[in-house]
Amino acid sequence: MALLIVLTSTGSGYIKHVTDCIRLEERAGKYGYVDSRGKVMLDFIWDDAYPFSEGCAVVKRHGKYGAINRKGEVVIPFVYEWLEMFHEGLARFQKNKKTGFINRAGSCVIKPVWLEAEPFSCGLARVSHDRNKWGYINKSGDVAIPLVWDYAFSFFYNRALVRKGNGASARWGAINTRGEEVIEPNWSELRNLDKNYLLAGITKDDLRNGYIFAIIDKRGKLVTGYIFFNPKPLEDRGKYRYSKEFRCHFFTAEVKSNPVVVHNSGLYGRLFQSPEGLYQLRSLNGKLIAQFDEKGEIVK
């Protein structure tokens, strides 16, 4: 498959997104598609345009959105006030400020009844009627997981982060695609790190609105001791310490082997020192992630 590069600007253009060997460019306020050598493949006639996704590209003409195939043929008519790229065979559209979904044939499969609806992920889409309660629908438009959550995110590796409560009483957990809690909503903060691990936080009053974080696995089991993490660096506070020079938040107590580190870049793992004097960040399974110098700069 070819790579699509999306370029947009008021001048010659810049790379915005890469998906195959055709690229989307803007020239004199209009969008078109060219190949990797700059040869025009589809003329510059569109008022707005998106990358090709699942065989077609969403484009705008005369104030309405539709979609074309790679030959430039209209496959979805220009009748939508807004239309998004396809995800898992369906694309969001809006009518009268409500969101629904169409398939690649252009047929409406989910009526526009939702105030908020996110793209499908793992076969489910996050939805809300009022932005106060959230749940998930399936590709038939049926509610698969009831709208009982005060906030929720789209699914990621068959896991969605969900929240009960608001403000200081808010607690985060995670559910599976059946709506079952796989991580109890006991955390003040919850962030996906990757397929298998999450960063889970609890608030501490003496940290001036900061958090104590731990890495947990996808079942909610603690993998590490607690890590001090706060966007505003504080002075040393006992066993939780922020190294401004090394640009890392780390915790050494209760971790019998090498300390667990969350670097400011977002990388995390255990910290080792190499014979060359560099610091190595390794995954919990021992794989080398990155190397840092004594100032915390990533060394390639």
Protein backbone atom coordinates (compact mmCIF):
# COMPACT_ATOMS: atom_id res chain seq x y z
CA MET A 1 0.00 0.00 0.00
CA ALA A 2 1.18 3.56 -0.77
CA LEU A 3 1.78 6.22 1.87
CA LEU A 4 -0.60 9.20 2.09
CA ILE A 5 0.88 12.46 3.33
CA VAL A 6 -1.49 15.29 4.20
CA LEU A 7 -0.13 18.77 3.66
CA THR A 8 -1.90 21.99 4.63
CA SER A 9 -0.77 25.61 4.80
CA THR A 10 -1.34 29.02 3.26
CA GLY A 11 1.81 28.63 1.16
CA SER A 12 3.39 25.62 -0.43
CA GLY A 13 2.21 23.29 2.35
CA TYR A 14 3.63 21.19 5.17
CA ILE A 15 3.23 17.59 6.28
CA LYS A 16 0.27 17.11 8.60
CA HIS A 17 -0.45 13.39 8.46
CA VAL A 18 1.03 10.36 6.73
CA THR A 19 -0.95 7.39 5.47
CA ASP A 20 0.17 6.40 1.92
CA CYS A 21 2.20 7.52 -1.28
CA ILE A 22 -0.43 10.04 -2.41
CA ARG A 23 -0.37 13.28 -0.56
CA LEU A 24 -2.93 15.97 0.05
CA GLU A 25 -1.82 19.52 -0.64
CA GLU A 26 -3.34 22.99 -0.46
CA ARG A 27 -2.74 25.44 -3.28
CA ALA A 28 -4.36 28.88 -3.47
CA GLY A 29 -6.98 27.91 -0.91
CA LYS A 30 -8.02 24.65 -2.62
CA TYR A 31 -7.09 21.05 -1.83
CA GLY A 32 -6.00 18.27 -4.14
CA TYR A 33 -3.92 15.08 -4.18
CA VAL A 34 -0.48 14.48 -5.67
CA ASP A 35 1.84 11.50 -5.78
CA SER A 36 5.25 11.23 -4.11
CA ARG A 37 6.90 13.03 -7.07
CA GLY A 38 4.43 15.91 -7.00
CA LYS A 39 2.36 14.80 -10.01
CA VAL A 40 -1.28 15.85 -9.63
CA MET A 41 -3.50 12.81 -9.15
CA LEU A 42 -6.74 14.59 -8.20
CA ASP A 43 -7.31 18.25 -9.12
CA PHE A 44 -7.24 21.11 -6.62
CA ILE A 45 -10.96 21.76 -6.45
CA TRP A 46 -11.89 21.00 -2.83
CA ASP A 47 -12.61 23.61 -0.16
CA ASP A 48 -11.51 21.18 2.57
CA ALA A 49 -10.19 17.63 2.51
CA TYR A 50 -9.00 14.77 4.72
CA PRO A 51 -6.60 11.84 4.21
CA PHE A 52 -7.82 8.71 2.50
CA SER A 53 -9.16 6.24 5.04
CA GLU A 54 -10.56 2.81 4.29
CA GLY A 55 -10.65 3.49 0.56
CA CYS A 56 -12.15 6.98 0.42
CA ALA A 57 -11.44 10.57 1.42
CA VAL A 58 -13.84 13.06 2.96
CA VAL A 59 -13.88 16.36 1.02
CA LYS A 60 -15.89 19.59 1.07
CA ARG A 61 -17.47 21.47 -1.83
CA HIS A 62 -19.92 24.37 -1.87
CA GLY A 63 -20.27 24.29 1.91
CA LYS A 64 -21.15 20.57 2.16
CA TYR A 65 -19.11 17.44 2.85
CA GLY A 66 -19.09 14.16 0.93
CA ALA A 67 -16.49 11.55 -0.02
CA ILE A 68 -14.52 10.47 -3.10
CA ASN A 69 -12.61 7.34 -4.06
CA ARG A 70 -9.04 7.27 -5.39
CA LYS A 71 -10.28 7.96 -8.91
CA GLY A 72 -11.94 11.15 -7.73
CA GLU A 73 -15.41 9.70 -8.16
CA VAL A 74 -18.06 10.82 -5.69
CA VAL A 75 -19.01 7.84 -3.55
CA ILE A 76 -20.92 9.75 -0.86
CA PRO A 77 -23.01 12.76 -1.97
CA PHE A 78 -22.32 16.28 -0.73
CA VAL A 79 -25.22 16.62 1.68
CA TYR A 80 -23.51 16.79 5.08
CA GLU A 81 -22.79 19.87 7.18
CA TRP A 82 -19.88 17.90 8.64
CA LEU A 83 -18.41 14.48 7.91
CA GLU A 84 -15.38 12.73 9.38
CA MET A 85 -12.92 10.08 8.22
CA PHE A 86 -14.00 6.45 8.40
CA HIS A 87 -13.12 4.33 11.42
CA GLU A 88 -14.00 0.63 11.50
CA GLY A 89 -16.27 1.06 8.47
CA LEU A 90 -18.33 3.96 9.82
CA ALA A 91 -17.98 7.75 9.71
CA ARG A 92 -19.55 10.39 11.91
CA PHE A 93 -21.78 13.05 10.37
CA GLN A 94 -23.78 15.93 11.81
CA LYS A 95 -27.28 17.15 11.12
CA ASN A 96 -28.90 19.93 13.15
CA LYS A 97 -25.92 19.77 15.55
CA LYS A 98 -26.56 16.10 16.35
CA THR A 99 -24.19 13.27 15.41
CA GLY A 100 -24.93 10.01 13.62
CA PHE A 101 -23.00 7.49 11.50
CA ILE A 102 -22.98 6.42 7.85
CA ASN A 103 -21.37 3.39 6.23
CA ARG A 104 -19.05 3.41 3.21
CA ALA A 105 -22.04 3.11 0.86
CA GLY A 106 -23.29 6.42 2.23
CA SER A 107 -26.28 4.88 4.01
CA CYS A 108 -27.24 6.20 7.42
CA VAL A 109 -26.87 3.30 9.85
CA ILE A 110 -27.13 5.28 13.10
CA LYS A 111 -29.48 8.26 13.15
CA PRO A 112 -28.13 11.66 14.30
CA VAL A 113 -29.55 11.68 17.81
CA TRP A 114 -26.40 12.15 19.89
CA LEU A 115 -25.11 15.47 21.17
CA GLU A 116 -21.67 13.86 21.46
CA ALA A 117 -20.38 10.74 19.70
CA GLU A 118 -16.80 9.60 19.19
CA PRO A 119 -15.42 7.36 16.39
CA PHE A 120 -15.81 3.61 16.81
CA SER A 121 -13.02 1.78 18.57
CA CYS A 122 -13.09 -1.92 19.44
CA GLY A 123 -16.60 -2.04 17.96
CA LEU A 124 -18.05 0.60 20.30
CA ALA A 125 -18.51 4.37 20.20
CA ARG A 126 -18.61 6.68 23.20
CA VAL A 127 -21.83 8.74 23.26
CA SER A 128 -23.79 11.24 25.34
CA HIS A 129 -27.14 13.01 25.03
CA ASP A 130 -26.23 15.87 27.38
CA ARG A 131 -22.47 15.73 28.13
CA ASN A 132 -23.38 14.75 31.70
CA LYS A 133 -23.74 10.99 31.38
CA TRP A 134 -21.75 8.80 29.00
CA GLY A 135 -22.02 5.30 27.65
CA TYR A 136 -21.35 3.29 24.48
CA ILE A 137 -23.29 2.13 21.42
CA ASN A 138 -22.60 -0.72 19.02
CA LYS A 139 -22.56 -0.50 15.22
CA SER A 140 -26.30 -1.08 15.07
CA GLY A 141 -26.83 2.03 17.15
CA ASP A 142 -28.04 0.09 20.17
CA VAL A 143 -26.83 1.09 23.62
CA ALA A 144 -24.31 -1.62 24.50
CA ILE A 145 -23.07 -0.06 27.76
CA PRO A 146 -25.58 2.15 29.63
CA LEU A 147 -25.01 5.90 29.94
CA VAL A 148 -24.16 5.83 33.64
CA TRP A 149 -20.66 7.31 33.69
CA ASP A 150 -19.96 10.94 34.54
CA TYR A 151 -17.20 10.88 31.95
CA ALA A 152 -15.64 8.24 29.74
CA PHE A 153 -12.99 7.79 27.06
CA SER A 154 -13.00 5.71 23.90
CA PHE A 155 -11.78 2.13 24.06
CA PHE A 156 -8.07 1.41 23.88
CA TYR A 157 -7.02 -2.25 23.56
CA ASN A 158 -10.52 -3.31 24.68
CA ARG A 159 -10.27 -1.12 27.77
CA ALA A 160 -12.02 2.21 28.40
CA LEU A 161 -11.30 4.64 31.22
CA VAL A 162 -14.48 5.76 32.97
CA ARG A 163 -15.25 8.17 35.81
CA LYS A 164 -17.75 8.20 38.64
CA GLY A 165 -18.47 11.53 40.31
CA ASN A 166 -17.25 15.04 39.64
CA GLY A 167 -14.81 17.46 41.19
CA ALA A 168 -12.95 16.33 44.32
CA SER A 169 -15.10 13.20 44.64
CA ALA A 170 -14.36 11.99 41.08
CA ARG A 171 -12.88 8.50 40.85
CA TRP A 172 -11.55 6.72 37.76
CA GLY A 173 -11.63 3.08 36.80
CA ALA A 174 -11.75 0.98 33.63
CA ILE A 175 -14.26 -1.29 31.93
CA ASN A 176 -14.09 -3.94 29.23
CA THR A 177 -16.21 -4.09 26.06
CA ARG A 178 -18.96 -5.90 27.99
CA GLY A 179 -19.19 -2.97 30.40
CA GLU A 180 -17.68 -4.94 33.27
CA GLU A 181 -15.34 -3.14 35.65
CA VAL A 182 -11.80 -4.47 35.20
CA ILE A 183 -10.28 -1.73 37.37
CA GLU A 184 -12.45 -0.47 40.21
CA PRO A 185 -13.12 3.30 40.15
CA ASN A 186 -10.92 4.13 43.12
CA TRP A 187 -8.34 6.41 41.50
CA SER A 188 -8.19 10.20 41.40
CA GLU A 189 -6.38 9.98 38.04
CA LEU A 190 -5.96 7.17 35.54
CA ARG A 191 -3.92 7.32 32.33
CA ASN A 192 -3.13 4.67 29.73
CA LEU A 193 0.59 4.08 29.26
CA ASP A 194 0.37 1.20 26.81
CA LYS A 195 -1.51 -2.03 26.18
CA ASN A 196 -0.63 -3.57 29.52
CA TYR A 197 0.07 -0.74 31.96
CA LEU A 198 -1.61 2.37 33.33
CA LEU A 199 -0.56 5.25 35.55
CA ALA A 200 -2.96 5.47 38.50
CA GLY A 201 -2.97 8.42 40.89
CA ILE A 202 -4.29 9.41 44.29
CA THR A 203 -4.40 12.97 45.60
CA LYS A 204 -2.47 14.12 48.66
CA ASP A 205 -3.35 17.43 50.32
CA ASP A 206 0.25 18.14 51.30
CA LEU A 207 1.33 17.93 47.66
CA ARG A 208 -0.50 21.15 46.75
CA ASN A 209 -2.91 19.50 44.33
CA GLY A 210 -0.29 17.08 43.06
CA TYR A 211 -0.69 13.35 42.78
CA ILE A 212 1.02 10.21 43.97
CA PHE A 213 1.14 7.80 41.06
CA ALA A 214 1.76 4.09 40.74
CA ILE A 215 2.03 1.93 37.66
CA ILE A 216 -0.71 -0.71 37.65
CA ASP A 217 -1.40 -3.53 35.23
CA LYS A 218 -4.54 -3.96 33.12
CA ARG A 219 -6.23 -5.81 35.98
CA GLY A 220 -5.55 -3.00 38.44
CA LYS A 221 -2.74 -4.74 40.29
CA LEU A 222 0.14 -2.58 41.56
CA VAL A 223 3.32 -3.17 39.57
CA THR A 224 5.50 -0.57 41.30
CA GLY A 225 5.73 1.43 44.47
CA TYR A 226 4.25 4.90 44.37
CA ILE A 227 5.92 7.59 42.27
CA PHE A 228 5.76 11.27 43.09
CA PHE A 229 4.55 13.19 40.06
CA ASN A 230 3.47 16.81 39.85
CA PRO A 231 3.59 19.20 36.91
CA LYS A 232 4.93 21.87 39.26
CA PRO A 233 8.20 20.59 40.76
CA LEU A 234 8.34 20.73 44.55
CA GLU A 235 11.14 20.47 47.05
CA ASP A 236 12.15 17.01 48.30
CA ARG A 237 9.36 15.56 50.41
CA GLY A 238 10.69 12.51 52.21
CA LYS A 239 10.89 9.51 49.94
CA TYR A 240 9.11 11.21 47.02
CA ARG A 241 11.52 13.34 45.06
CA TYR A 242 11.58 15.31 41.83
CA SER A 243 14.96 15.72 40.15
CA LYS A 244 14.80 19.00 38.26
CA GLU A 245 18.32 18.48 36.89
CA PHE A 246 17.53 14.97 35.67
CA ARG A 247 13.99 15.92 34.56
CA CYS A 248 12.53 12.85 36.22
CA HIS A 249 9.99 12.03 38.87
CA PHE A 250 11.08 8.94 40.76
CA PHE A 251 10.55 6.90 43.87
CA THR A 252 13.15 4.64 45.44
CA ALA A 253 11.62 3.28 48.67
CA GLU A 254 9.66 0.02 48.43
CA VAL A 255 11.30 -0.73 45.07
CA LYS A 256 13.90 -3.35 45.86
CA SER A 257 15.69 -3.23 42.53
CA ASN A 258 16.36 -0.19 40.35
CA PRO A 259 14.15 2.88 40.90
CA VAL A 260 11.06 3.40 38.79
CA VAL A 261 11.20 6.62 36.78
CA VAL A 262 8.68 8.73 34.87
CA HIS A 263 10.69 11.03 32.62
CA ASN A 264 9.29 14.42 31.57
CA SER A 265 9.08 13.10 28.00
CA GLY A 266 6.42 10.63 29.19
CA LEU A 267 8.72 7.60 28.98
CA TYR A 268 8.74 5.39 32.03
CA GLY A 269 10.52 2.33 33.36
CA ARG A 270 13.35 1.28 35.66
CA LEU A 271 16.57 3.28 35.75
CA PHE A 272 20.01 1.71 35.26
CA GLN A 273 23.48 3.20 34.87
CA SER A 274 25.59 1.92 31.99
CA PRO A 275 29.38 1.36 32.10
CA GLU A 276 29.72 4.38 29.78
CA GLY A 277 28.17 6.62 32.42
CA LEU A 278 24.83 7.02 30.68
CA TYR A 279 21.50 6.30 32.33
CA GLN A 280 19.37 3.64 30.74
CA LEU A 281 15.60 3.53 30.97
CA ARG A 282 14.36 -0.04 30.61
CA SER A 283 10.85 -1.45 30.47
CA LEU A 284 9.53 -3.52 33.35
CA ASN A 285 10.51 -6.53 31.22
CA GLY A 286 14.09 -5.29 30.78
CA LYS A 287 13.89 -3.94 27.22
CA LEU A 288 15.96 -0.79 26.56
CA ILE A 289 13.66 2.19 25.96
CA ALA A 290 16.04 5.16 25.95
CA GLN A 291 19.36 6.47 27.25
CA PHE A 292 19.91 9.78 29.06
CA ASP A 293 22.94 11.82 29.93
CA GLU A 294 23.55 13.32 33.37
CA LYS A 295 21.28 16.27 32.50
CA GLY A 296 18.35 14.07 31.54
CA GLU A 297 18.74 14.70 27.80
CA ILE A 298 17.83 11.75 25.58
CA VAL A 299 20.90 10.30 23.87
CA LYS A 300 20.27 8.56 20.54
